[in-house]
Amino acid sequence: MTRGEVKKAVTDIIEEILPEGDCSGIDPEKKLRDQLELDSMDFLDIVMELRKKYKIEVPEADYGKLASLNSCIEYLEPKMKNL
């Protein structure tokens, strides 16, 4: 996957979990939790969807690397490049 495809995959998952969440106005540098009012269960749902859809395991120690859209892309791009 390209960087743009990884971004789309992440935003698609967020929009599935938070249908009222509009990802078009997300500041890629700011924390997703603050922008979308994600609670811890929403965040875990995102991690579970990554595992279910793309077979990507995100260890709990790495959750902080998924804080912003840009950090998600940086973390996931190498893991998703062959998908």
PDB file of N, CA and C in Angstrom:
ATOM      1  N   MET A   1       0.827  -1.185   0.000  1.00  0.00           N
ATOM      2  CA  MET A   1       0.000   0.000   0.000  1.00  0.00           C
ATOM      3  C   MET A   1       0.871   1.248   0.000  1.00  0.00           C
ATOM      4  N   THR A   2       0.398   2.238  -0.694  1.00  0.00           N
ATOM      5  CA  THR A   2       1.081   3.528  -0.684  1.00  0.00           C
ATOM      6  C   THR A   2       0.697   4.286   0.584  1.00  0.00           C
ATOM      7  N   ARG A   3       1.383   5.381   0.806  1.00  0.00           N
ATOM      8  CA  ARG A   3       1.084   6.234   1.966  1.00  0.00           C
ATOM      9  C   ARG A   3      -0.369   6.726   1.914  1.00  0.00           C
ATOM     10  N   GLY A   4      -0.828   7.114   0.742  1.00  0.00           N
ATOM     11  CA  GLY A   4      -2.205   7.571   0.579  1.00  0.00           C
ATOM     12  C   GLY A   4      -3.216   6.468   0.846  1.00  0.00           C
ATOM     13  N   GLU A   5      -2.896   5.245   0.430  1.00  0.00           N
ATOM     14  CA  GLU A   5      -3.795   4.110   0.676  1.00  0.00           C
ATOM     15  C   GLU A   5      -3.858   3.768   2.162  1.00  0.00           C
ATOM     16  N   VAL A   6      -2.726   3.895   2.849  1.00  0.00           N
ATOM     17  CA  VAL A   6      -2.701   3.651   4.293  1.00  0.00           C
ATOM     18  C   VAL A   6      -3.572   4.692   4.991  1.00  0.00           C
ATOM     19  N   LYS A   7      -3.440   5.953   4.577  1.00  0.00           N
ATOM     20  CA  LYS A   7      -4.261   7.019   5.156  1.00  0.00           C
ATOM     21  C   LYS A   7      -5.740   6.722   4.947  1.00  0.00           C
ATOM     22  N   LYS A   8      -6.107   6.316   3.746  1.00  0.00           N
ATOM     23  CA  LYS A   8      -7.509   6.013   3.452  1.00  0.00           C
ATOM     24  C   LYS A   8      -7.993   4.830   4.283  1.00  0.00           C
ATOM     25  N   ALA A   9      -7.158   3.812   4.434  1.00  0.00           N
ATOM     26  CA  ALA A   9      -7.536   2.645   5.236  1.00  0.00           C
ATOM     27  C   ALA A   9      -7.823   3.057   6.677  1.00  0.00           C
ATOM     28  N   VAL A  10      -6.968   3.901   7.231  1.00  0.00           N
ATOM     29  CA  VAL A  10      -7.150   4.356   8.617  1.00  0.00           C
ATOM     30  C   VAL A  10      -8.413   5.200   8.741  1.00  0.00           C
ATOM     31  N   THR A  11      -8.603   6.151   7.840  1.00  0.00           N
ATOM     32  CA  THR A  11      -9.787   7.008   7.932  1.00  0.00           C
ATOM     33  C   THR A  11     -11.065   6.221   7.679  1.00  0.00           C
ATOM     34  N   ASP A  12     -11.014   5.224   6.797  1.00  0.00           N
ATOM     35  CA  ASP A  12     -12.196   4.373   6.572  1.00  0.00           C
ATOM     36  C   ASP A  12     -12.583   3.632   7.845  1.00  0.00           C
ATOM     37  N   ILE A  13     -11.591   3.105   8.554  1.00  0.00           N
ATOM     38  CA  ILE A  13     -11.856   2.389   9.803  1.00  0.00           C
ATOM     39  C   ILE A  13     -12.450   3.347  10.837  1.00  0.00           C
ATOM     40  N   ILE A  14     -11.882   4.531  10.939  1.00  0.00           N
ATOM     41  CA  ILE A  14     -12.392   5.513  11.903  1.00  0.00           C
ATOM     42  C   ILE A  14     -13.840   5.864  11.576  1.00  0.00           C
ATOM     43  N   GLU A  15     -14.133   6.060  10.306  1.00  0.00           N
ATOM     44  CA  GLU A  15     -15.493   6.433   9.916  1.00  0.00           C
ATOM     45  C   GLU A  15     -16.484   5.284  10.124  1.00  0.00           C
ATOM     46  N   GLU A  16     -16.010   4.038  10.036  1.00  0.00           N
ATOM     47  CA  GLU A  16     -16.880   2.892  10.335  1.00  0.00           C
ATOM     48  C   GLU A  16     -17.219   2.857  11.820  1.00  0.00           C
ATOM     49  N   ILE A  17     -16.223   3.131  12.647  1.00  0.00           N
ATOM     50  CA  ILE A  17     -16.406   3.060  14.092  1.00  0.00           C
ATOM     51  C   ILE A  17     -17.188   4.263  14.609  1.00  0.00           C
ATOM     52  N   LEU A  18     -16.912   5.413  14.036  1.00  0.00           N
ATOM     53  CA  LEU A  18     -17.588   6.656  14.421  1.00  0.00           C
ATOM     54  C   LEU A  18     -18.300   7.215  13.195  1.00  0.00           C
ATOM     55  N   PRO A  19     -19.444   6.681  12.840  1.00  0.00           N
ATOM     56  CA  PRO A  19     -20.118   7.145  11.627  1.00  0.00           C
ATOM     57  C   PRO A  19     -20.375   8.650  11.610  1.00  0.00           C
ATOM     58  N   GLU A  20     -20.529   9.259  12.790  1.00  0.00           N
ATOM     59  CA  GLU A  20     -20.742  10.702  12.836  1.00  0.00           C
ATOM     60  C   GLU A  20     -19.423  11.460  12.736  1.00  0.00           C
ATOM     61  N   GLY A  21     -18.313  10.737  12.836  1.00  0.00           N
ATOM     62  CA  GLY A  21     -17.003  11.374  12.736  1.00  0.00           C
ATOM     63  C   GLY A  21     -16.660  11.677  11.291  1.00  0.00           C
ATOM     64  N   ASP A  22     -16.292  12.914  11.031  1.00  0.00           N
ATOM     65  CA  ASP A  22     -15.921  13.325   9.685  1.00  0.00           C
ATOM     66  C   ASP A  22     -14.411  13.469   9.643  1.00  0.00           C
ATOM     67  N   CYS A  23     -13.769  12.607   8.889  1.00  0.00           N
ATOM     68  CA  CYS A  23     -12.309  12.597   8.836  1.00  0.00           C
ATOM     69  C   CYS A  23     -11.749  13.626   7.852  1.00  0.00           C
ATOM     70  N   SER A  24     -12.600  14.281   7.094  1.00  0.00           N
ATOM     71  CA  SER A  24     -12.105  15.215   6.081  1.00  0.00           C
ATOM     72  C   SER A  24     -11.409  16.427   6.698  1.00  0.00           C
ATOM     73  N   GLY A  25     -11.781  16.790   7.911  1.00  0.00           N
ATOM     74  CA  GLY A  25     -11.183  17.967   8.538  1.00  0.00           C
ATOM     75  C   GLY A  25     -10.138  17.655   9.582  1.00  0.00           C
ATOM     76  N   ILE A  26      -9.663  16.440   9.616  1.00  0.00           N
ATOM     77  CA  ILE A  26      -8.678  16.045  10.630  1.00  0.00           C
ATOM     78  C   ILE A  26      -7.348  16.738  10.370  1.00  0.00           C
ATOM     79  N   ASP A  27      -6.789  17.316  11.429  1.00  0.00           N
ATOM     80  CA  ASP A  27      -5.430  17.844  11.383  1.00  0.00           C
ATOM     81  C   ASP A  27      -4.519  16.638  11.604  1.00  0.00           C
ATOM     82  N   PRO A  28      -3.700  16.292  10.608  1.00  0.00           N
ATOM     83  CA  PRO A  28      -2.895  15.064  10.714  1.00  0.00           C
ATOM     84  C   PRO A  28      -1.857  15.071  11.829  1.00  0.00           C
ATOM     85  N   GLU A  29      -1.578  16.262  12.379  1.00  0.00           N
ATOM     86  CA  GLU A  29      -0.575  16.368  13.439  1.00  0.00           C
ATOM     87  C   GLU A  29      -1.173  16.288  14.839  1.00  0.00           C
ATOM     88  N   LYS A  30      -2.470  16.533  14.966  1.00  0.00           N
ATOM     89  CA  LYS A  30      -3.097  16.550  16.287  1.00  0.00           C
ATOM     90  C   LYS A  30      -3.629  15.181  16.665  1.00  0.00           C
ATOM     91  N   LYS A  31      -3.748  14.950  17.963  1.00  0.00           N
ATOM     92  CA  LYS A  31      -4.225  13.664  18.453  1.00  0.00           C
ATOM     93  C   LYS A  31      -5.649  13.392  17.969  1.00  0.00           C
ATOM     94  N   LEU A  32      -5.855  12.186  17.480  1.00  0.00           N
ATOM     95  CA  LEU A  32      -7.175  11.787  16.990  1.00  0.00           C
ATOM     96  C   LEU A  32      -8.205  11.813  18.112  1.00  0.00           C
ATOM     97  N   ARG A  33      -7.806  11.389  19.303  1.00  0.00           N
ATOM     98  CA  ARG A  33      -8.739  11.358  20.435  1.00  0.00           C
ATOM     99  C   ARG A  33      -9.341  12.731  20.709  1.00  0.00           C
ATOM    100  N   ASP A  34      -8.511  13.758  20.621  1.00  0.00           N
ATOM    101  CA  ASP A  34      -8.977  15.109  20.906  1.00  0.00           C
ATOM    102  C   ASP A  34      -9.885  15.637  19.794  1.00  0.00           C
ATOM    103  N   GLN A  35      -9.570  15.296  18.565  1.00  0.00           N
ATOM    104  CA  GLN A  35     -10.332  15.816  17.432  1.00  0.00           C
ATOM    105  C   GLN A  35     -11.665  15.104  17.230  1.00  0.00           C
ATOM    106  N   LEU A  36     -11.684  13.813  17.520  1.00  0.00           N
ATOM    107  CA  LEU A  36     -12.871  12.999  17.231  1.00  0.00           C
ATOM    108  C   LEU A  36     -13.578  12.508  18.484  1.00  0.00           C
ATOM    109  N   GLU A  37     -13.098  12.936  19.631  1.00  0.00           N
ATOM    110  CA  GLU A  37     -13.672  12.506  20.905  1.00  0.00           C
ATOM    111  C   GLU A  37     -13.721  10.982  21.019  1.00  0.00           C
ATOM    112  N   LEU A  38     -12.622  10.361  20.644  1.00  0.00           N
ATOM    113  CA  LEU A  38     -12.506   8.900  20.762  1.00  0.00           C
ATOM    114  C   LEU A  38     -12.318   8.535  22.229  1.00  0.00           C
ATOM    115  N   ASP A  39     -13.038   7.525  22.676  1.00  0.00           N
ATOM    116  CA  ASP A  39     -12.760   7.009  24.011  1.00  0.00           C
ATOM    117  C   ASP A  39     -11.885   5.764  23.860  1.00  0.00           C
ATOM    118  N   SER A  40     -11.510   5.182  24.968  1.00  0.00           N
ATOM    119  CA  SER A  40     -10.581   4.048  24.908  1.00  0.00           C
ATOM    120  C   SER A  40     -11.182   2.851  24.168  1.00  0.00           C
ATOM    121  N   MET A  41     -12.481   2.660  24.268  1.00  0.00           N
ATOM    122  CA  MET A  41     -13.118   1.551  23.541  1.00  0.00           C
ATOM    123  C   MET A  41     -13.101   1.802  22.033  1.00  0.00           C
ATOM    124  N   ASP A  42     -13.331   3.034  21.624  1.00  0.00           N
ATOM    125  CA  ASP A  42     -13.252   3.372  20.200  1.00  0.00           C
ATOM    126  C   ASP A  42     -11.848   3.096  19.673  1.00  0.00           C
ATOM    127  N   PHE A  43     -10.861   3.501  20.463  1.00  0.00           N
ATOM    128  CA  PHE A  43      -9.474   3.286  20.053  1.00  0.00           C
ATOM    129  C   PHE A  43      -9.176   1.795  19.912  1.00  0.00           C
ATOM    130  N   LEU A  44      -9.631   0.997  20.866  1.00  0.00           N
ATOM    131  CA  LEU A  44      -9.431  -0.450  20.784  1.00  0.00           C
ATOM    132  C   LEU A  44     -10.158  -1.039  19.580  1.00  0.00           C
ATOM    133  N   ASP A  45     -11.325  -0.494  19.250  1.00  0.00           N
ATOM    134  CA  ASP A  45     -12.040  -0.946  18.053  1.00  0.00           C
ATOM    135  C   ASP A  45     -11.213  -0.694  16.794  1.00  0.00           C
ATOM    136  N   ILE A  46     -10.531   0.432  16.751  1.00  0.00           N
ATOM    137  CA  ILE A  46      -9.666   0.735  15.599  1.00  0.00           C
ATOM    138  C   ILE A  46      -8.549  -0.299  15.504  1.00  0.00           C
ATOM    139  N   VAL A  47      -7.915  -0.583  16.622  1.00  0.00           N
ATOM    140  CA  VAL A  47      -6.833  -1.573  16.651  1.00  0.00           C
ATOM    141  C   VAL A  47      -7.356  -2.953  16.214  1.00  0.00           C
ATOM    142  N   MET A  48      -8.554  -3.319  16.693  1.00  0.00           N
ATOM    143  CA  MET A  48      -9.141  -4.618  16.323  1.00  0.00           C
ATOM    144  C   MET A  48      -9.479  -4.684  14.831  1.00  0.00           C
ATOM    145  N   GLU A  49      -9.964  -3.580  14.276  1.00  0.00           N
ATOM    146  CA  GLU A  49     -10.271  -3.548  12.840  1.00  0.00           C
ATOM    147  C   GLU A  49      -9.000  -3.675  12.007  1.00  0.00           C
ATOM    148  N   LEU A  50      -7.914  -3.076  12.455  1.00  0.00           N
ATOM    149  CA  LEU A  50      -6.637  -3.232  11.745  1.00  0.00           C
ATOM    150  C   LEU A  50      -6.220  -4.688  11.721  1.00  0.00           C
ATOM    151  N   ARG A  51      -6.431  -5.356  12.843  1.00  0.00           N
ATOM    152  CA  ARG A  51      -6.077  -6.780  12.909  1.00  0.00           C
ATOM    153  C   ARG A  51      -7.001  -7.605  12.024  1.00  0.00           C
ATOM    154  N   LYS A  52      -8.296  -7.324  12.093  1.00  0.00           N
ATOM    155  CA  LYS A  52      -9.272  -8.109  11.341  1.00  0.00           C
ATOM    156  C   LYS A  52      -9.127  -7.902   9.830  1.00  0.00           C
ATOM    157  N   LYS A  53      -9.021  -6.663   9.399  1.00  0.00           N
ATOM    158  CA  LYS A  53      -8.995  -6.357   7.966  1.00  0.00           C
ATOM    159  C   LYS A  53      -7.633  -6.575   7.319  1.00  0.00           C
ATOM    160  N   TYR A  54      -6.570  -6.258   8.066  1.00  0.00           N
ATOM    161  CA  TYR A  54      -5.245  -6.243   7.455  1.00  0.00           C
ATOM    162  C   TYR A  54      -4.234  -7.174   8.121  1.00  0.00           C
ATOM    163  N   LYS A  55      -4.688  -7.936   9.125  1.00  0.00           N
ATOM    164  CA  LYS A  55      -3.817  -8.888   9.832  1.00  0.00           C
ATOM    165  C   LYS A  55      -2.608  -8.198  10.468  1.00  0.00           C
ATOM    166  N   ILE A  56      -2.835  -6.969  10.956  1.00  0.00           N
ATOM    167  CA  ILE A  56      -1.765  -6.200  11.595  1.00  0.00           C
ATOM    168  C   ILE A  56      -1.968  -6.215  13.096  1.00  0.00           C
ATOM    169  N   GLU A  57      -0.974  -6.721  13.794  1.00  0.00           N
ATOM    170  CA  GLU A  57      -0.997  -6.739  15.251  1.00  0.00           C
ATOM    171  C   GLU A  57      -0.323  -5.473  15.762  1.00  0.00           C
ATOM    172  N   VAL A  58      -1.003  -4.753  16.614  1.00  0.00           N
ATOM    173  CA  VAL A  58      -0.430  -3.560  17.239  1.00  0.00           C
ATOM    174  C   VAL A  58      -0.300  -3.861  18.725  1.00  0.00           C
ATOM    175  N   PRO A  59       0.929  -4.095  19.190  1.00  0.00           N
ATOM    176  CA  PRO A  59       1.110  -4.370  20.617  1.00  0.00           C
ATOM    177  C   PRO A  59       0.699  -3.157  21.457  1.00  0.00           C
ATOM    178  N   GLU A  60       0.219  -3.431  22.647  1.00  0.00           N
ATOM    179  CA  GLU A  60      -0.234  -2.358  23.536  1.00  0.00           C
ATOM    180  C   GLU A  60       0.858  -1.304  23.744  1.00  0.00           C
ATOM    181  N   ALA A  61       2.099  -1.739  23.772  1.00  0.00           N
ATOM    182  CA  ALA A  61       3.211  -0.807  23.965  1.00  0.00           C
ATOM    183  C   ALA A  61       3.323   0.202  22.817  1.00  0.00           C
ATOM    184  N   ASP A  62       2.743  -0.119  21.661  1.00  0.00           N
ATOM    185  CA  ASP A  62       2.819   0.755  20.488  1.00  0.00           C
ATOM    186  C   ASP A  62       1.580   1.628  20.302  1.00  0.00           C
ATOM    187  N   TYR A  63       0.609   1.536  21.175  1.00  0.00           N
ATOM    188  CA  TYR A  63      -0.631   2.310  21.004  1.00  0.00           C
ATOM    189  C   TYR A  63      -0.361   3.808  20.874  1.00  0.00           C
ATOM    190  N   GLY A  64       0.630   4.303  21.583  1.00  0.00           N
ATOM    191  CA  GLY A  64       0.959   5.722  21.507  1.00  0.00           C
ATOM    192  C   GLY A  64       1.397   6.161  20.121  1.00  0.00           C
ATOM    193  N   LYS A  65       1.862   5.206  19.318  1.00  0.00           N
ATOM    194  CA  LYS A  65       2.296   5.517  17.957  1.00  0.00           C
ATOM    195  C   LYS A  65       1.117   5.714  17.016  1.00  0.00           C
ATOM    196  N   LEU A  66      -0.087   5.496  17.509  1.00  0.00           N
ATOM    197  CA  LEU A  66      -1.293   5.682  16.705  1.00  0.00           C
ATOM    198  C   LEU A  66      -2.075   6.924  17.154  1.00  0.00           C
ATOM    199  N   ALA A  67      -1.394   7.850  17.801  1.00  0.00           N
ATOM    200  CA  ALA A  67      -2.072   9.002  18.390  1.00  0.00           C
ATOM    201  C   ALA A  67      -2.648   9.960  17.354  1.00  0.00           C
ATOM    202  N   SER A  68      -1.872  10.293  16.331  1.00  0.00           N
ATOM    203  CA  SER A  68      -2.339  11.225  15.296  1.00  0.00           C
ATOM    204  C   SER A  68      -2.438  10.478  13.973  1.00  0.00           C
ATOM    205  N   LEU A  69      -3.069  11.113  12.997  1.00  0.00           N
ATOM    206  CA  LEU A  69      -3.179  10.474  11.685  1.00  0.00           C
ATOM    207  C   LEU A  69      -1.796  10.262  11.076  1.00  0.00           C
ATOM    208  N   ASN A  70      -0.933  11.267  11.180  1.00  0.00           N
ATOM    209  CA  ASN A  70       0.416  11.115  10.629  1.00  0.00           C
ATOM    210  C   ASN A  70       1.198  10.011  11.339  1.00  0.00           C
ATOM    211  N   SER A  71       1.073   9.935  12.656  1.00  0.00           N
ATOM    212  CA  SER A  71       1.815   8.888  13.369  1.00  0.00           C
ATOM    213  C   SER A  71       1.264   7.507  13.030  1.00  0.00           C
ATOM    214  N   CYS A  72      -0.039   7.414  12.797  1.00  0.00           N
ATOM    215  CA  CYS A  72      -0.634   6.147  12.351  1.00  0.00           C
ATOM    216  C   CYS A  72      -0.023   5.724  11.022  1.00  0.00           C
ATOM    217  N   ILE A  73       0.038   6.663  10.098  1.00  0.00           N
ATOM    218  CA  ILE A  73       0.575   6.357   8.766  1.00  0.00           C
ATOM    219  C   ILE A  73       2.031   5.940   8.870  1.00  0.00           C
ATOM    220  N   GLU A  74       2.827   6.685   9.643  1.00  0.00           N
ATOM    221  CA  GLU A  74       4.246   6.348   9.818  1.00  0.00           C
ATOM    222  C   GLU A  74       4.423   4.939  10.388  1.00  0.00           C
ATOM    223  N   TYR A  75       3.592   4.609  11.361  1.00  0.00           N
ATOM    224  CA  TYR A  75       3.692   3.303  12.022  1.00  0.00           C
ATOM    225  C   TYR A  75       3.202   2.177  11.108  1.00  0.00           C
ATOM    226  N   LEU A  76       2.093   2.413  10.415  1.00  0.00           N
ATOM    227  CA  LEU A  76       1.457   1.346   9.639  1.00  0.00           C
ATOM    228  C   LEU A  76       2.016   1.164   8.239  1.00  0.00           C
ATOM    229  N   GLU A  77       2.567   2.198   7.646  1.00  0.00           N
ATOM    230  CA  GLU A  77       3.025   2.106   6.259  1.00  0.00           C
ATOM    231  C   GLU A  77       3.982   0.934   6.018  1.00  0.00           C
ATOM    232  N   PRO A  78       5.025   0.747   6.844  1.00  0.00           N
ATOM    233  CA  PRO A  78       5.908  -0.402   6.591  1.00  0.00           C
ATOM    234  C   PRO A  78       5.192  -1.750   6.792  1.00  0.00           C
ATOM    235  N   LYS A  79       4.221  -1.795   7.687  1.00  0.00           N
ATOM    236  CA  LYS A  79       3.502  -3.040   7.962  1.00  0.00           C
ATOM    237  C   LYS A  79       2.503  -3.366   6.854  1.00  0.00           C
ATOM    238  N   MET A  80       2.061  -2.340   6.116  1.00  0.00           N
ATOM    239  CA  MET A  80       1.018  -2.528   5.102  1.00  0.00           C
ATOM    240  C   MET A  80       1.555  -2.432   3.674  1.00  0.00           C
ATOM    241  N   LYS A  81       2.877  -2.254   3.515  1.00  0.00           N
ATOM    242  CA  LYS A  81       3.414  -1.990   2.180  1.00  0.00           C
ATOM    243  C   LYS A  81       3.204  -3.156   1.218  1.00  0.00           C
ATOM    244  N   ASN A  82       3.105  -4.370   1.712  1.00  0.00           N
ATOM    245  CA  ASN A  82       2.932  -5.522   0.822  1.00  0.00           C
ATOM    246  C   ASN A  82       1.491  -5.983   0.691  1.00  0.00           C
ATOM    247  N   LEU A  83       0.549  -5.180   1.175  1.00  0.00           N
ATOM    248  CA  LEU A  83      -0.857  -5.576   1.096  1.00  0.00           C
ATOM    249  C   LEU A  83      -1.481  -5.098  -0.197  1.00  0.00           C
TER     250      LEU A  83
END
